[in-house]
Amino acid sequence: MPENDGVETLRTLVVDDEQEVADAYALRLRGCCEVETAYSGEEAFSIIDDSPVDIVLLDRHMPGMSGDDVLKELDERGFYGRIVMVTAVDPGFDVLDLPFDDYLCKPVDREDVRAVVDQQQQILAYETLGEYFSLEAKRAVLESEMSAERRNENEQYAEIAERAARLEDRARRLLGDDALLRQFDQIEREYR
């Protein structure tokens, strides 16, 4: 994982109602990502609403808004990131219906917390890259085939160009190496 040298990096949110547990996981992640803690589901949403979060480490059993409730709300909001349940609740068949990306049973050691965050960062980076490439290919082919005036008149084109720019920024931040982006840019997409 890239070290935080003042450049924007992976953003992780640890959500656990036990403050000492959340703080311990945050401490384990220090130096490998930007990490924030929330001690309730409501606080987690406050943080997510204020700034983008890439990975959520989420306790399942919390008073008030449970981890399951947080998962469902994130899913309904279209959260674009990865969610790892880090919990003492033994999984049952009910997990088949929950929208999480990984499940760790407590206690979790330092290496496993870092490894799961690293793995989820890579997955998110490639998902983001795939979505970016798809949008950018559409934008690039329209750019090669249509005048700037015609493109600028189309609202959907403007939305795709804006989304592609955001995805490119996120992919660069998550990957730490833009070799794949440079390779994509070298492909000729002109069809005339």
C-alpha atoms as a PDB file:
ATOM      1  CA  MET A   1       0.000   0.000   0.000  1.00  0.00           C
ATOM      2  CA  PRO A   2       1.288   3.451  -0.767  1.00  0.00           C
ATOM      3  CA  GLU A   3       2.537   5.502   2.115  1.00  0.00           C
ATOM      4  CA  ASN A   4       0.783   8.790   2.717  1.00  0.00           C
ATOM      5  CA  ASP A   5       3.321  11.435   1.716  1.00  0.00           C
ATOM      6  CA  GLY A   6       0.891  14.335   1.596  1.00  0.00           C
ATOM      7  CA  VAL A   7      -0.711  13.089  -1.602  1.00  0.00           C
ATOM      8  CA  GLU A   8      -4.306  11.922  -1.469  1.00  0.00           C
ATOM      9  CA  THR A   9      -4.385   8.232  -0.709  1.00  0.00           C
ATOM     10  CA  LEU A  10      -6.760   5.424   0.130  1.00  0.00           C
ATOM     11  CA  ARG A  11      -9.509   6.539   2.525  1.00  0.00           C
ATOM     12  CA  THR A  12     -10.662   3.966   5.070  1.00  0.00           C
ATOM     13  CA  LEU A  13     -13.406   4.290   7.665  1.00  0.00           C
ATOM     14  CA  VAL A  14     -13.500   2.029  10.728  1.00  0.00           C
ATOM     15  CA  VAL A  15     -16.984   1.750  12.239  1.00  0.00           C
ATOM     16  CA  ASP A  16     -17.313   0.068  15.631  1.00  0.00           C
ATOM     17  CA  ASP A  17     -19.329   1.050  18.692  1.00  0.00           C
ATOM     18  CA  GLU A  18     -16.437  -0.056  20.921  1.00  0.00           C
ATOM     19  CA  GLN A  19     -14.166   2.976  20.737  1.00  0.00           C
ATOM     20  CA  GLU A  20     -11.034   1.103  21.813  1.00  0.00           C
ATOM     21  CA  VAL A  21     -11.582  -1.525  19.090  1.00  0.00           C
ATOM     22  CA  ALA A  22     -12.144   1.083  16.358  1.00  0.00           C
ATOM     23  CA  ASP A  23      -9.111   3.049  17.534  1.00  0.00           C
ATOM     24  CA  ALA A  24      -6.975  -0.115  17.607  1.00  0.00           C
ATOM     25  CA  TYR A  25      -7.857  -0.949  13.982  1.00  0.00           C
ATOM     26  CA  ALA A  26      -7.190   2.642  12.970  1.00  0.00           C
ATOM     27  CA  LEU A  27      -3.793   2.449  14.682  1.00  0.00           C
ATOM     28  CA  ARG A  28      -3.014  -0.780  12.811  1.00  0.00           C
ATOM     29  CA  LEU A  29      -3.719   1.005   9.526  1.00  0.00           C
ATOM     30  CA  ARG A  30      -1.664   4.094  10.319  1.00  0.00           C
ATOM     31  CA  GLY A  31       0.926   4.752   7.644  1.00  0.00           C
ATOM     32  CA  CYS A  32      -0.788   2.721   4.932  1.00  0.00           C
ATOM     33  CA  CYS A  33      -3.906   4.801   4.355  1.00  0.00           C
ATOM     34  CA  GLU A  34      -5.891   7.776   5.548  1.00  0.00           C
ATOM     35  CA  VAL A  35      -8.157   6.391   8.267  1.00  0.00           C
ATOM     36  CA  GLU A  36     -11.086   7.790  10.220  1.00  0.00           C
ATOM     37  CA  THR A  37     -13.169   6.209  12.951  1.00  0.00           C
ATOM     38  CA  ALA A  38     -16.870   6.292  13.707  1.00  0.00           C
ATOM     39  CA  TYR A  39     -18.430   4.839  16.840  1.00  0.00           C
ATOM     40  CA  SER A  40     -21.960   4.469  15.450  1.00  0.00           C
ATOM     41  CA  GLY A  41     -23.736   3.984  12.152  1.00  0.00           C
ATOM     42  CA  GLU A  42     -25.060   7.527  12.275  1.00  0.00           C
ATOM     43  CA  GLU A  43     -21.551   8.923  12.766  1.00  0.00           C
ATOM     44  CA  ALA A  44     -20.322   6.778   9.863  1.00  0.00           C
ATOM     45  CA  PHE A  45     -22.855   8.378   7.525  1.00  0.00           C
ATOM     46  CA  SER A  46     -21.856  11.822   8.709  1.00  0.00           C
ATOM     47  CA  ILE A  47     -18.256  11.072   7.710  1.00  0.00           C
ATOM     48  CA  ILE A  48     -19.229   9.449   4.394  1.00  0.00           C
ATOM     49  CA  ASP A  49     -21.456  12.412   3.539  1.00  0.00           C
ATOM     50  CA  ASP A  50     -18.588  14.858   4.199  1.00  0.00           C
ATOM     51  CA  SER A  51     -15.865  13.172   2.136  1.00  0.00           C
ATOM     52  CA  PRO A  52     -15.461  10.154  -0.124  1.00  0.00           C
ATOM     53  CA  VAL A  53     -14.549   6.885   1.575  1.00  0.00           C
ATOM     54  CA  ASP A  54     -13.017   3.973  -0.323  1.00  0.00           C
ATOM     55  CA  ILE A  55     -13.167   1.143   2.219  1.00  0.00           C
ATOM     56  CA  VAL A  56     -15.386   0.667   5.256  1.00  0.00           C
ATOM     57  CA  LEU A  57     -14.411  -1.741   8.026  1.00  0.00           C
ATOM     58  CA  LEU A  58     -17.756  -2.324   9.733  1.00  0.00           C
ATOM     59  CA  ASP A  59     -18.749  -3.988  12.991  1.00  0.00           C
ATOM     60  CA  ARG A  60     -21.954  -5.947  12.599  1.00  0.00           C
ATOM     61  CA  HIS A  61     -23.304  -5.798  16.146  1.00  0.00           C
ATOM     62  CA  MET A  62     -23.832  -2.195  17.250  1.00  0.00           C
ATOM     63  CA  PRO A  63     -26.613  -0.613  19.302  1.00  0.00           C
ATOM     64  CA  GLY A  64     -29.015   1.647  17.456  1.00  0.00           C
ATOM     65  CA  MET A  65     -28.095   1.315  13.811  1.00  0.00           C
ATOM     66  CA  SER A  66     -26.562  -2.145  13.416  1.00  0.00           C
ATOM     67  CA  GLY A  67     -23.897  -3.028  10.887  1.00  0.00           C
ATOM     68  CA  ASP A  68     -26.575  -4.808   8.858  1.00  0.00           C
ATOM     69  CA  ASP A  69     -28.603  -1.564   8.840  1.00  0.00           C
ATOM     70  CA  VAL A  70     -25.531   0.419   7.761  1.00  0.00           C
ATOM     71  CA  LEU A  71     -24.906  -2.074   4.945  1.00  0.00           C
ATOM     72  CA  LYS A  72     -28.462  -1.772   3.662  1.00  0.00           C
ATOM     73  CA  GLU A  73     -28.345   2.035   3.822  1.00  0.00           C
ATOM     74  CA  LEU A  74     -24.998   2.141   2.002  1.00  0.00           C
ATOM     75  CA  ASP A  75     -26.438  -0.144  -0.670  1.00  0.00           C
ATOM     76  CA  GLU A  76     -29.537   2.047  -1.054  1.00  0.00           C
ATOM     77  CA  ARG A  77     -27.349   5.149  -1.371  1.00  0.00           C
ATOM     78  CA  GLY A  78     -25.276   3.479  -4.095  1.00  0.00           C
ATOM     79  CA  PHE A  79     -22.055   3.587  -2.037  1.00  0.00           C
ATOM     80  CA  TYR A  80     -19.110   3.246  -4.403  1.00  0.00           C
ATOM     81  CA  GLY A  81     -16.468   1.552  -2.321  1.00  0.00           C
ATOM     82  CA  ARG A  82     -15.680  -1.733  -0.602  1.00  0.00           C
ATOM     83  CA  ILE A  83     -17.166  -2.940   2.688  1.00  0.00           C
ATOM     84  CA  VAL A  84     -15.534  -5.425   5.035  1.00  0.00           C
ATOM     85  CA  MET A  85     -17.436  -6.747   8.009  1.00  0.00           C
ATOM     86  CA  VAL A  86     -15.059  -7.016  10.980  1.00  0.00           C
ATOM     87  CA  THR A  87     -17.165  -8.537  13.701  1.00  0.00           C
ATOM     88  CA  ALA A  88     -17.515 -11.047  16.515  1.00  0.00           C
ATOM     89  CA  VAL A  89     -20.859 -12.206  15.084  1.00  0.00           C
ATOM     90  CA  ASP A  90     -20.430 -15.682  13.638  1.00  0.00           C
ATOM     91  CA  PRO A  91     -21.792 -15.724  10.102  1.00  0.00           C
ATOM     92  CA  GLY A  92     -24.908 -17.692   9.221  1.00  0.00           C
ATOM     93  CA  PHE A  93     -26.834 -18.114   6.002  1.00  0.00           C
ATOM     94  CA  ASP A  94     -28.221 -14.602   6.511  1.00  0.00           C
ATOM     95  CA  VAL A  95     -24.928 -13.212   5.169  1.00  0.00           C
ATOM     96  CA  LEU A  96     -25.909 -14.422   1.705  1.00  0.00           C
ATOM     97  CA  ASP A  97     -28.291 -11.461   1.447  1.00  0.00           C
ATOM     98  CA  LEU A  98     -25.922  -8.820   2.836  1.00  0.00           C
ATOM     99  CA  PRO A  99     -24.036  -6.509   0.416  1.00  0.00           C
ATOM    100  CA  PHE A 100     -20.499  -6.728   1.848  1.00  0.00           C
ATOM    101  CA  ASP A 101     -17.237  -7.586   0.117  1.00  0.00           C
ATOM    102  CA  ASP A 102     -15.388  -9.522   2.836  1.00  0.00           C
ATOM    103  CA  TYR A 103     -16.069 -10.829   6.341  1.00  0.00           C
ATOM    104  CA  LEU A 104     -13.507 -11.126   9.127  1.00  0.00           C
ATOM    105  CA  CYS A 105     -14.283 -12.618  12.521  1.00  0.00           C
ATOM    106  CA  LYS A 106     -12.774 -10.867  15.561  1.00  0.00           C
ATOM    107  CA  PRO A 107     -10.209 -10.853  16.908  1.00  0.00           C
ATOM    108  CA  VAL A 108      -8.290  -9.755  13.807  1.00  0.00           C
ATOM    109  CA  ASP A 109      -4.541  -9.255  13.938  1.00  0.00           C
ATOM    110  CA  ARG A 110      -2.631  -6.327  12.455  1.00  0.00           C
ATOM    111  CA  GLU A 111      -1.413  -8.213   9.387  1.00  0.00           C
ATOM    112  CA  ASP A 112      -4.913  -9.395   8.486  1.00  0.00           C
ATOM    113  CA  VAL A 113      -6.398  -5.900   8.803  1.00  0.00           C
ATOM    114  CA  ARG A 114      -3.700  -4.468   6.568  1.00  0.00           C
ATOM    115  CA  ALA A 115      -3.947  -7.382   4.112  1.00  0.00           C
ATOM    116  CA  VAL A 116      -7.709  -7.070   3.703  1.00  0.00           C
ATOM    117  CA  VAL A 117      -7.464  -3.305   3.192  1.00  0.00           C
ATOM    118  CA  ASP A 118      -4.711  -3.797   0.609  1.00  0.00           C
ATOM    119  CA  GLN A 119      -6.743  -6.449  -1.202  1.00  0.00           C
ATOM    120  CA  GLN A 120      -9.902  -4.331  -1.227  1.00  0.00           C
ATOM    121  CA  GLN A 121      -7.913  -1.313  -2.451  1.00  0.00           C
ATOM    122  CA  GLN A 122      -6.677  -3.327  -5.423  1.00  0.00           C
ATOM    123  CA  ILE A 123     -10.149  -4.616  -6.231  1.00  0.00           C
ATOM    124  CA  LEU A 124     -11.653  -1.118  -6.015  1.00  0.00           C
ATOM    125  CA  ALA A 125      -8.838   0.303  -8.139  1.00  0.00           C
ATOM    126  CA  TYR A 126      -9.482  -2.198 -10.923  1.00  0.00           C
ATOM    127  CA  GLU A 127     -13.272  -1.783 -10.708  1.00  0.00           C
ATOM    128  CA  THR A 128     -12.813   1.974 -10.971  1.00  0.00           C
ATOM    129  CA  LEU A 129     -10.361   1.556 -13.829  1.00  0.00           C
ATOM    130  CA  GLY A 130     -12.785  -0.705 -15.705  1.00  0.00           C
ATOM    131  CA  GLU A 131     -15.624   1.776 -15.361  1.00  0.00           C
ATOM    132  CA  TYR A 132     -13.317   4.634 -16.386  1.00  0.00           C
ATOM    133  CA  PHE A 133     -12.087   2.765 -19.481  1.00  0.00           C
ATOM    134  CA  SER A 134     -15.668   2.039 -20.542  1.00  0.00           C
ATOM    135  CA  LEU A 135     -16.760   5.670 -20.221  1.00  0.00           C
ATOM    136  CA  GLU A 136     -13.560   7.073 -21.672  1.00  0.00           C
ATOM    137  CA  ALA A 137     -13.794   4.794 -24.721  1.00  0.00           C
ATOM    138  CA  LYS A 138     -17.285   6.158 -25.416  1.00  0.00           C
ATOM    139  CA  ARG A 139     -16.136   9.718 -24.883  1.00  0.00           C
ATOM    140  CA  ALA A 140     -13.028   9.262 -27.025  1.00  0.00           C
ATOM    141  CA  VAL A 141     -14.876   7.748 -29.975  1.00  0.00           C
ATOM    142  CA  LEU A 142     -17.434  10.564 -29.916  1.00  0.00           C
ATOM    143  CA  GLU A 143     -14.627  13.108 -29.720  1.00  0.00           C
ATOM    144  CA  SER A 144     -12.978  11.610 -32.794  1.00  0.00           C
ATOM    145  CA  GLU A 145     -16.236  11.499 -34.762  1.00  0.00           C
ATOM    146  CA  MET A 146     -18.071  14.701 -33.764  1.00  0.00           C
ATOM    147  CA  SER A 147     -17.362  18.374 -33.590  1.00  0.00           C
ATOM    148  CA  ALA A 148     -16.747  20.008 -30.211  1.00  0.00           C
ATOM    149  CA  GLU A 149     -19.837  22.158 -30.745  1.00  0.00           C
ATOM    150  CA  ARG A 150     -22.069  19.128 -31.249  1.00  0.00           C
ATOM    151  CA  ARG A 151     -20.593  17.307 -28.230  1.00  0.00           C
ATOM    152  CA  ASN A 152     -20.960  20.380 -26.023  1.00  0.00           C
ATOM    153  CA  GLU A 153     -24.666  20.560 -26.855  1.00  0.00           C
ATOM    154  CA  ASN A 154     -25.275  17.055 -25.525  1.00  0.00           C
ATOM    155  CA  GLU A 155     -25.994  16.871 -21.786  1.00  0.00           C
ATOM    156  CA  GLN A 156     -25.327  13.128 -21.566  1.00  0.00           C
ATOM    157  CA  TYR A 157     -21.901  13.573 -23.157  1.00  0.00           C
ATOM    158  CA  ALA A 158     -21.034  16.258 -20.579  1.00  0.00           C
ATOM    159  CA  GLU A 159     -22.122  13.958 -17.731  1.00  0.00           C
ATOM    160  CA  ILE A 160     -20.006  11.086 -19.077  1.00  0.00           C
ATOM    161  CA  ALA A 161     -16.974  13.335 -19.509  1.00  0.00           C
ATOM    162  CA  GLU A 162     -17.349  14.634 -15.942  1.00  0.00           C
ATOM    163  CA  ARG A 163     -17.818  11.128 -14.475  1.00  0.00           C
ATOM    164  CA  ALA A 164     -14.840   9.834 -16.477  1.00  0.00           C
ATOM    165  CA  ALA A 165     -12.650  12.615 -15.071  1.00  0.00           C
ATOM    166  CA  ARG A 166     -13.684  11.747 -11.485  1.00  0.00           C
ATOM    167  CA  LEU A 167     -13.059   8.048 -12.095  1.00  0.00           C
ATOM    168  CA  GLU A 168      -9.654   8.782 -13.622  1.00  0.00           C
ATOM    169  CA  ASP A 169      -8.653  10.805 -10.560  1.00  0.00           C
ATOM    170  CA  ARG A 170      -9.814   8.049  -8.225  1.00  0.00           C
ATOM    171  CA  ALA A 171      -8.098   5.317 -10.243  1.00  0.00           C
ATOM    172  CA  ARG A 172      -4.816   7.248 -10.197  1.00  0.00           C
ATOM    173  CA  ARG A 173      -5.127   7.748  -6.442  1.00  0.00           C
ATOM    174  CA  LEU A 174      -5.929   4.097  -5.755  1.00  0.00           C
ATOM    175  CA  LEU A 175      -3.413   2.569  -8.164  1.00  0.00           C
ATOM    176  CA  GLY A 176      -0.453   4.759  -7.318  1.00  0.00           C
ATOM    177  CA  ASP A 177       0.899   3.954 -10.803  1.00  0.00           C
ATOM    178  CA  ASP A 178      -0.692   5.228 -13.981  1.00  0.00           C
ATOM    179  CA  ALA A 179       0.946   2.768 -16.418  1.00  0.00           C
ATOM    180  CA  LEU A 180      -2.428   1.221 -17.330  1.00  0.00           C
ATOM    181  CA  LEU A 181      -3.917   4.660 -17.907  1.00  0.00           C
ATOM    182  CA  ARG A 182      -1.039   5.615 -20.210  1.00  0.00           C
ATOM    183  CA  GLN A 183      -1.443   2.345 -22.096  1.00  0.00           C
ATOM    184  CA  PHE A 184      -5.172   3.058 -22.589  1.00  0.00           C
ATOM    185  CA  ASP A 185      -4.393   6.528 -23.944  1.00  0.00           C
ATOM    186  CA  GLN A 186      -2.064   5.038 -26.580  1.00  0.00           C
ATOM    187  CA  ILE A 187      -4.838   3.081 -28.283  1.00  0.00           C
ATOM    188  CA  GLU A 188      -6.053   4.733 -31.494  1.00  0.00           C
ATOM    189  CA  ARG A 189      -9.829   5.162 -31.461  1.00  0.00           C
ATOM    190  CA  GLU A 190     -10.378   7.187 -34.612  1.00  0.00           C
ATOM    191  CA  TYR A 191     -12.664   5.418 -37.077  1.00  0.00           C
ATOM    192  CA  ARG A 192     -12.562   7.652 -40.150  1.00  0.00           C
END
